[in-house]
């Protein structure tokens, strides 16, 4: 027997916007059901504006335990066709419904936090994983510190690991970053608790001084204890420089050191072990690195001499310098007050993969170094 449909029902059917063309998919049809009265069996009254948003219980409970409990648990909403949601923005709720219906969502750095809050509220674990992947894709050497700090709110483990890997690799770059003093204490704790990091304990302590000055209300006793007591290793290779010592005393500046990479992969240079021989208690060491005639790194180090008249080796760490294959890099080391120079005859560095050559002209000898802190750099690594 034929039945008569009301005008309202017919209008809803006519406006359902379901299309079955050759280019249409199940996903596009499900997307068209978002906030569509057709086949809707629940209406949400959303936000302060009390906007009416139509939904379909079957799709909601399939995607979210939150809605399963709401509609099939011992709650008053289970027997109602209208549900009030006062604590969510209508536009954001539509974003969540679109994801539930067809797994589509447009994530930006600006809406990510609101989407994350809703994904937790409505127990959408797959959406949280998607947000973690999005945030991870934004990480490069320039943004690592900022995203690492932002991730304190989200707590994505893989994001922390990726950011920490970059920060540990080149910590001095991040310690000098304008945002370093603004990072959360929790973020700083993770950095300082690292077992491997390419800097000295003194440089960690100096970084903590910078952060403490900008965060006077914070208690840094535990952080200073970590810096002082934790055993750390460098996240790079320590390549010994072999050569015969020249025992003559040289007070005048020695020749600059020239390095060239003969292997096919770039080499990341993090520091040098420099010989110190002086009667002064403190030596100021100026270290500059040039690519051709362009200065690419410049630092001044204050080095304490624990025992005068004895040769010491000072580990001088600086921001990562990438040495490209076949290029020559000149390293200038000047000391104040002037030190007796320790020179090496025919210096050599050995490694199976890293072919790093110390160059010198004829009988002139470069200033001696004890070792080089470096490692092979992957070509596809994101650069600043």
Protein backbone atom coordinates (compact mmCIF):
# COMPACT_ATOMS: atom_id res chain seq x y z
CA UNK A 1 0.00 0.00 0.00
CA UNK A 2 1.35 3.40 -0.93
CA UNK A 3 2.29 5.80 1.86
CA UNK A 4 2.20 9.56 1.80
CA UNK A 5 5.41 11.38 2.79
CA UNK A 6 5.25 14.82 4.37
CA UNK A 7 6.62 17.79 2.47
CA UNK A 8 9.43 18.12 5.03
CA UNK A 9 10.57 14.53 4.52
CA UNK A 10 10.48 14.87 0.75
CA UNK A 11 12.48 18.09 0.95
CA UNK A 12 15.09 16.37 3.10
CA UNK A 13 15.39 13.52 0.61
CA UNK A 14 15.65 15.91 -2.33
CA UNK A 15 18.35 17.91 -0.52
CA UNK A 16 20.45 14.99 0.58
CA UNK A 17 23.09 15.70 -2.12
CA UNK A 18 24.07 12.07 -2.52
CA UNK A 19 25.63 11.47 -5.92
CA UNK A 20 26.34 8.14 -7.60
CA UNK A 21 28.35 9.25 -10.63
CA UNK A 22 31.39 7.38 -11.90
CA UNK A 23 33.73 9.75 -10.07
CA UNK A 24 31.84 9.58 -6.78
CA UNK A 25 33.00 7.36 -3.94
CA UNK A 26 31.68 6.06 -0.65
CA UNK A 27 33.83 8.69 1.04
CA UNK A 28 32.29 11.60 -0.88
CA UNK A 29 28.78 10.36 -0.16
CA UNK A 30 29.55 10.00 3.53
CA UNK A 31 31.00 13.50 3.54
CA UNK A 32 27.75 14.84 2.08
CA UNK A 33 25.91 13.41 5.09
CA UNK A 34 27.76 15.72 7.50
CA UNK A 35 25.13 17.99 9.06
CA UNK A 36 22.57 16.54 6.65
CA UNK A 37 19.03 15.97 7.93
CA UNK A 38 18.61 13.01 5.58
CA UNK A 39 18.50 9.81 7.68
CA UNK A 40 19.61 11.80 10.75
CA UNK A 41 18.51 10.27 14.04
CA UNK A 42 20.12 12.74 16.45
CA UNK A 43 20.45 16.52 16.53
CA UNK A 44 23.17 18.28 18.51
CA UNK A 45 22.54 21.74 19.97
CA UNK A 46 26.07 23.09 19.88
CA UNK A 47 27.84 25.99 21.55
CA UNK A 48 26.63 29.27 22.96
CA UNK A 49 24.85 30.01 19.70
CA UNK A 50 22.89 26.74 20.08
CA UNK A 51 23.47 25.81 16.46
CA UNK A 52 21.55 22.72 15.35
CA UNK A 53 23.79 20.09 13.76
CA UNK A 54 22.35 16.88 12.35
CA UNK A 55 24.17 13.57 12.80
CA UNK A 56 23.79 9.81 12.51
CA UNK A 57 24.26 7.62 15.58
CA UNK A 58 25.54 4.56 13.71
CA UNK A 59 28.50 6.47 12.28
CA UNK A 60 29.22 8.16 15.60
CA UNK A 61 29.27 5.01 17.72
CA UNK A 62 31.36 3.16 15.12
CA UNK A 63 34.08 5.80 15.35
CA UNK A 64 34.02 6.79 19.01
CA UNK A 65 33.59 5.03 22.34
CA UNK A 66 32.49 8.39 23.74
CA UNK A 67 29.38 8.39 21.55
CA UNK A 68 28.85 4.66 22.07
CA UNK A 69 28.59 5.22 25.82
CA UNK A 70 26.44 8.33 25.28
CA UNK A 71 23.83 6.58 23.17
CA UNK A 72 23.95 3.03 24.54
CA UNK A 73 24.94 3.60 28.15
CA UNK A 74 22.95 4.62 31.19
CA UNK A 75 22.75 8.29 30.25
CA UNK A 76 19.71 10.44 29.56
CA UNK A 77 21.05 11.18 26.05
CA UNK A 78 20.42 7.53 25.12
CA UNK A 79 16.69 8.19 24.94
CA UNK A 80 16.81 11.64 23.40
CA UNK A 81 16.84 12.78 19.81
CA UNK A 82 18.44 16.10 20.75
CA UNK A 83 21.70 16.42 22.69
CA UNK A 84 23.15 19.69 24.00
CA UNK A 85 26.93 20.27 23.71
CA UNK A 86 27.71 23.63 25.31
CA UNK A 87 31.50 23.38 25.58
CA UNK A 88 32.44 23.04 21.92
CA UNK A 89 32.51 25.47 19.01
CA UNK A 90 30.02 24.55 16.23
CA UNK A 91 32.59 24.93 13.45
CA UNK A 92 35.06 22.71 15.29
CA UNK A 93 32.36 20.12 15.96
CA UNK A 94 31.66 20.00 12.21
CA UNK A 95 35.38 19.41 11.64
CA UNK A 96 35.19 16.44 14.01
CA UNK A 97 32.04 15.08 12.35
CA UNK A 98 33.69 15.32 8.93
CA UNK A 99 36.60 13.24 10.20
CA UNK A 100 34.25 10.68 11.78
CA UNK A 101 32.19 10.35 8.61
CA UNK A 102 34.87 10.23 5.92
CA UNK A 103 38.30 10.44 7.63
CA UNK A 104 38.93 13.88 6.13
CA UNK A 105 40.39 16.74 8.14
CA UNK A 106 42.30 19.90 7.25
CA UNK A 107 44.96 20.36 9.94
CA UNK A 108 46.92 23.59 10.30
CA UNK A 109 49.29 24.79 12.97
CA UNK A 110 46.52 27.23 14.01
CA UNK A 111 43.63 24.79 14.45
CA UNK A 112 45.67 21.83 15.66
CA UNK A 113 45.21 22.47 19.37
CA UNK A 114 41.42 22.75 19.12
CA UNK A 115 41.25 19.56 17.03
CA UNK A 116 43.50 17.80 19.54
CA UNK A 117 41.31 18.85 22.47
CA UNK A 118 38.21 17.55 20.68
CA UNK A 119 39.94 14.32 19.67
CA UNK A 120 40.69 13.65 23.33
CA UNK A 121 37.20 14.62 24.46
CA UNK A 122 35.55 12.34 21.91
CA UNK A 123 38.17 9.58 22.26
CA UNK A 124 39.30 9.64 18.62
CA UNK A 125 42.71 7.99 18.99
CA UNK A 126 43.24 7.67 15.22
CA UNK A 127 42.82 11.42 14.85
CA UNK A 128 45.37 12.01 17.62
CA UNK A 129 47.88 9.87 15.72
CA UNK A 130 47.18 11.89 12.59
CA UNK A 131 47.87 15.09 14.51
CA UNK A 132 51.15 13.63 15.75
CA UNK A 133 52.18 12.83 12.17
CA UNK A 134 51.26 16.36 11.07
CA UNK A 135 53.35 17.95 13.83
CA UNK A 136 56.23 15.60 13.07
CA UNK A 137 56.18 16.67 9.41
CA UNK A 138 56.75 20.29 10.47
CA UNK A 139 60.08 19.48 12.15
CA UNK A 140 63.33 20.63 10.60
CA UNK A 141 66.54 22.02 12.07
CA UNK A 142 65.12 25.52 12.27
CA UNK A 143 61.81 24.62 13.94
CA UNK A 144 62.93 21.74 16.19
CA UNK A 145 63.21 23.76 19.41
CA UNK A 146 59.87 25.52 18.93
CA UNK A 147 58.00 22.31 18.10
CA UNK A 148 59.73 20.47 20.95
CA UNK A 149 58.40 23.11 23.32
CA UNK A 150 54.90 23.07 21.75
CA UNK A 151 54.81 19.29 22.11
CA UNK A 152 54.79 19.64 25.90
CA UNK A 153 51.04 20.13 25.50
CA UNK A 154 50.48 17.20 23.14
CA UNK A 155 52.99 14.68 24.46
CA UNK A 156 53.68 12.91 21.15
CA UNK A 157 56.61 10.58 21.85
CA UNK A 158 57.83 10.39 18.26
CA UNK A 159 57.83 14.19 17.96
CA UNK A 160 59.95 14.48 21.12
CA UNK A 161 62.39 11.89 19.80
CA UNK A 162 62.79 13.63 16.43
CA UNK A 163 63.27 17.06 17.99
CA UNK A 164 65.71 15.78 20.61
CA UNK A 165 67.78 14.06 17.94
CA UNK A 166 68.26 17.41 16.16
CA UNK A 167 68.87 19.34 19.39
CA UNK A 168 71.43 16.83 20.69
CA UNK A 169 73.20 16.90 17.34
CA UNK A 170 73.69 20.68 17.31
CA UNK A 171 72.86 21.98 20.82
CA UNK A 172 74.84 25.21 20.66
CA UNK A 173 72.70 26.43 17.76
CA UNK A 174 69.59 25.97 19.90
CA UNK A 175 71.16 27.37 23.07
CA UNK A 176 71.77 30.58 21.10
CA UNK A 177 68.24 30.55 19.63
CA UNK A 178 65.96 33.46 20.53
CA UNK A 179 63.30 31.02 21.82
CA UNK A 180 65.61 29.04 24.09
CA UNK A 181 64.90 31.15 27.20
CA UNK A 182 61.14 30.66 26.73
CA UNK A 183 61.00 26.86 26.65
CA UNK A 184 59.23 24.96 29.40
CA UNK A 185 61.20 23.55 32.31
CA UNK A 186 60.01 20.07 31.28
CA UNK A 187 61.57 20.55 27.84
CA UNK A 188 64.84 21.76 29.35
CA UNK A 189 64.90 18.76 31.69
CA UNK A 190 64.67 16.37 28.72
CA UNK A 191 67.53 18.12 26.92
CA UNK A 192 69.81 18.18 29.96
CA UNK A 193 69.01 14.55 30.80
CA UNK A 194 70.28 13.39 27.40
CA UNK A 195 73.01 10.76 27.52
CA UNK A 196 74.52 12.00 24.26
CA UNK A 197 74.91 15.66 23.25
CA UNK A 198 77.50 17.58 21.24
CA UNK A 199 78.70 20.12 23.78
CA UNK A 200 80.66 20.31 27.00
CA UNK A 201 79.30 20.36 30.55
CA UNK A 202 80.41 24.00 30.86
CA UNK A 203 78.34 24.89 27.80
CA UNK A 204 75.32 23.14 29.33
CA UNK A 205 75.84 25.13 32.51
CA UNK A 206 76.06 28.39 30.53
CA UNK A 207 72.84 27.52 28.71
CA UNK A 208 71.14 26.95 32.07
CA UNK A 209 72.38 30.38 33.22
CA UNK A 210 70.67 31.98 30.20
CA UNK A 211 67.40 30.15 30.87
CA UNK A 212 67.51 30.84 34.62
CA UNK A 213 67.98 34.58 34.05
CA UNK A 214 64.77 34.65 31.99
CA UNK A 215 62.86 32.39 34.41
CA UNK A 216 63.75 33.69 37.86
CA UNK A 217 60.66 32.13 39.44
CA UNK A 218 61.85 28.62 38.53
CA UNK A 219 63.92 26.43 40.85
CA UNK A 220 66.97 25.18 38.91
CA UNK A 221 68.67 23.14 41.65
CA UNK A 222 67.64 19.81 40.13
CA UNK A 223 68.71 20.93 36.65
CA UNK A 224 72.13 22.02 37.94
CA UNK A 225 72.50 18.68 39.69
CA UNK A 226 71.80 16.90 36.39
CA UNK A 227 74.41 19.01 34.58
CA UNK A 228 77.01 18.35 37.27
CA UNK A 229 76.47 14.66 38.00
CA UNK A 230 75.11 13.01 34.85
CA UNK A 231 77.55 11.11 32.68
CA UNK A 232 77.30 12.19 29.04
CA UNK A 233 78.83 11.17 25.75
CA UNK A 234 79.20 13.07 22.51
CA UNK A 235 76.82 12.29 19.68
CA UNK A 236 79.63 12.10 17.15
CA UNK A 237 83.00 10.49 16.47
CA UNK A 238 86.24 11.52 18.10
CA UNK A 239 88.92 11.09 15.42
CA UNK A 240 92.49 11.16 16.71
CA UNK A 241 95.03 13.24 14.80
CA UNK A 242 98.25 11.30 14.25
CA UNK A 243 101.58 13.01 13.64
CA UNK A 244 105.03 13.62 15.05
CA UNK A 245 105.39 16.44 17.57
CA UNK A 246 107.72 19.29 16.75
CA UNK A 247 109.43 20.11 20.01
CA UNK A 248 110.71 23.58 19.15
CA UNK A 249 109.01 26.41 21.05
CA UNK A 250 106.91 28.72 18.90
CA UNK A 251 105.30 31.76 20.48
CA UNK A 252 104.30 33.40 17.21
CA UNK A 253 100.97 32.33 15.65
CA UNK A 254 101.24 29.10 13.69
CA UNK A 255 99.80 28.58 10.23
CA UNK A 256 96.06 28.13 9.94
CA UNK A 257 94.70 24.61 9.74
CA UNK A 258 93.22 23.53 6.40
CA UNK A 259 90.75 20.65 6.13
CA UNK A 260 89.39 18.97 3.04
CA UNK A 261 86.76 16.21 2.74
CA UNK A 262 87.74 13.63 0.11
CA UNK A 263 84.86 11.23 0.83
CA UNK A 264 81.57 11.53 -1.07
CA UNK A 265 79.36 12.41 1.90
CA UNK A 266 79.41 15.78 3.71
CA UNK A 267 80.94 15.80 7.19
CA UNK A 268 79.44 17.56 10.21
CA UNK A 269 82.16 19.20 12.30
CA UNK A 270 81.32 19.90 15.96
CA UNK A 271 84.58 20.58 17.75
CA UNK A 272 88.34 20.31 17.99
CA UNK A 273 90.75 19.19 20.68
CA UNK A 274 93.31 22.01 20.86
CA UNK A 275 96.69 21.83 22.61
CA UNK A 276 97.33 24.49 25.27
CA UNK A 277 100.75 25.22 26.77
CA UNK A 278 100.94 28.39 28.85
CA UNK A 279 101.97 29.83 32.20
CA UNK A 280 98.70 31.77 32.39
CA UNK A 281 95.81 30.42 34.45
CA UNK A 282 93.21 31.28 31.80
CA UNK A 283 93.61 31.35 28.03
CA UNK A 284 91.24 33.04 25.60
CA UNK A 285 91.02 31.04 22.37
CA UNK A 286 89.52 32.60 19.26
CA UNK A 287 88.48 29.98 16.70
CA UNK A 288 87.22 30.87 13.23
CA UNK A 289 86.33 28.65 10.29
CA UNK A 290 86.33 29.83 6.68
CA UNK A 291 84.95 28.28 3.51
CA UNK A 292 87.24 29.78 0.90
CA UNK A 293 87.32 33.37 2.24
CA UNK A 294 83.82 33.35 3.76
CA UNK A 295 83.62 33.08 7.54
CA UNK A 296 81.15 30.33 8.51
CA UNK A 297 81.87 30.03 12.23
CA UNK A 298 83.37 32.26 14.92
CA UNK A 299 83.69 31.59 18.65
CA UNK A 300 85.79 32.71 21.62
CA UNK A 301 86.48 30.23 24.43
CA UNK A 302 87.80 30.92 27.92
CA UNK A 303 89.94 27.92 28.88
CA UNK A 304 91.26 27.29 32.39
CA UNK A 305 94.77 25.86 32.75
CA UNK A 306 94.78 23.41 35.71
CA UNK A 307 98.57 23.06 35.77
CA UNK A 308 101.02 25.44 34.10
CA UNK A 309 104.05 24.22 32.13
CA UNK A 310 102.08 21.13 31.11
CA UNK A 311 100.44 20.52 27.76
CA UNK A 312 96.65 20.30 28.04
CA UNK A 313 93.97 19.53 25.49
CA UNK A 314 90.89 21.76 25.48
CA UNK A 315 87.75 20.42 23.83
CA UNK A 316 86.28 23.35 21.91
CA UNK A 317 82.72 22.68 20.74
CA UNK A 318 80.87 25.05 18.40
CA UNK A 319 77.70 25.09 16.32
CA UNK A 320 77.65 22.37 13.66
CA UNK A 321 79.64 23.27 10.54
CA UNK A 322 78.87 21.17 7.46
CA UNK A 323 81.99 20.40 5.42
CA UNK A 324 81.05 19.66 1.82
CA UNK A 325 83.09 17.20 -0.26
CA UNK A 326 86.04 18.53 -2.25
CA UNK A 327 85.98 21.96 -0.60
CA UNK A 328 88.82 23.41 1.46
CA UNK A 329 88.08 24.87 4.91
CA UNK A 330 90.54 27.06 6.78
CA UNK A 331 90.57 27.07 10.59
CA UNK A 332 92.20 29.98 12.40
CA UNK A 333 93.13 29.50 16.08
CA UNK A 334 94.51 32.47 18.04
CA UNK A 335 95.28 32.52 21.75
CA UNK A 336 95.56 35.35 24.26
CA UNK A 337 97.92 35.67 25.98
CA UNK A 338 100.08 34.04 23.27
CA UNK A 339 100.88 30.38 23.98
CA UNK A 340 103.76 28.19 23.01
CA UNK A 341 102.52 26.39 19.92
CA UNK A 342 102.42 22.62 19.65
CA UNK A 343 102.88 21.71 16.00
CA UNK A 344 102.58 18.38 14.20
CA UNK A 345 104.66 17.01 11.37
CA UNK A 346 102.59 15.35 8.62
CA UNK A 347 99.30 15.21 10.59
CA UNK A 348 96.86 12.47 9.56
CA UNK A 349 93.31 11.43 10.46
CA UNK A 350 92.12 7.87 9.88
CA UNK A 351 88.58 6.57 9.44
CA UNK A 352 87.21 3.89 7.13
CA UNK A 353 84.49 6.12 5.66
CA UNK A 354 85.34 9.71 6.58
CA UNK A 355 88.32 10.84 4.52
CA UNK A 356 89.26 14.10 6.20
CA UNK A 357 92.64 15.46 5.14
CA UNK A 358 94.74 18.07 6.96
CA UNK A 359 96.51 20.11 4.28
CA UNK A 360 99.78 22.00 4.63
CA UNK A 361 102.26 23.67 2.29
CA UNK A 362 105.81 22.37 2.08
CA UNK A 363 107.80 22.75 5.27
CA UNK A 364 105.28 25.07 6.92
CA UNK A 365 103.35 23.27 9.64
CA UNK A 366 99.80 24.02 10.83
CA UNK A 367 98.94 24.40 14.49
CA UNK A 368 98.59 21.00 16.10
CA UNK A 369 95.24 19.57 17.19
CA UNK A 370 94.70 16.41 19.22
CA UNK A 371 91.42 15.24 17.73
CA UNK A 372 88.38 16.18 15.66
CA UNK A 373 84.73 15.76 16.69
CA UNK A 374 82.71 14.97 13.59
CA UNK A 375 80.44 12.49 11.84
CA UNK A 376 79.10 11.71 8.41
CA UNK A 377 76.06 13.79 7.47
CA UNK A 378 73.17 12.33 5.51
CA UNK A 379 72.42 14.28 2.33
CA UNK A 380 68.64 14.20 2.85
CA UNK A 381 68.90 15.67 6.36
CA UNK A 382 66.73 18.80 6.62
CA UNK A 383 68.86 21.92 6.74
CA UNK A 384 68.35 25.26 8.38
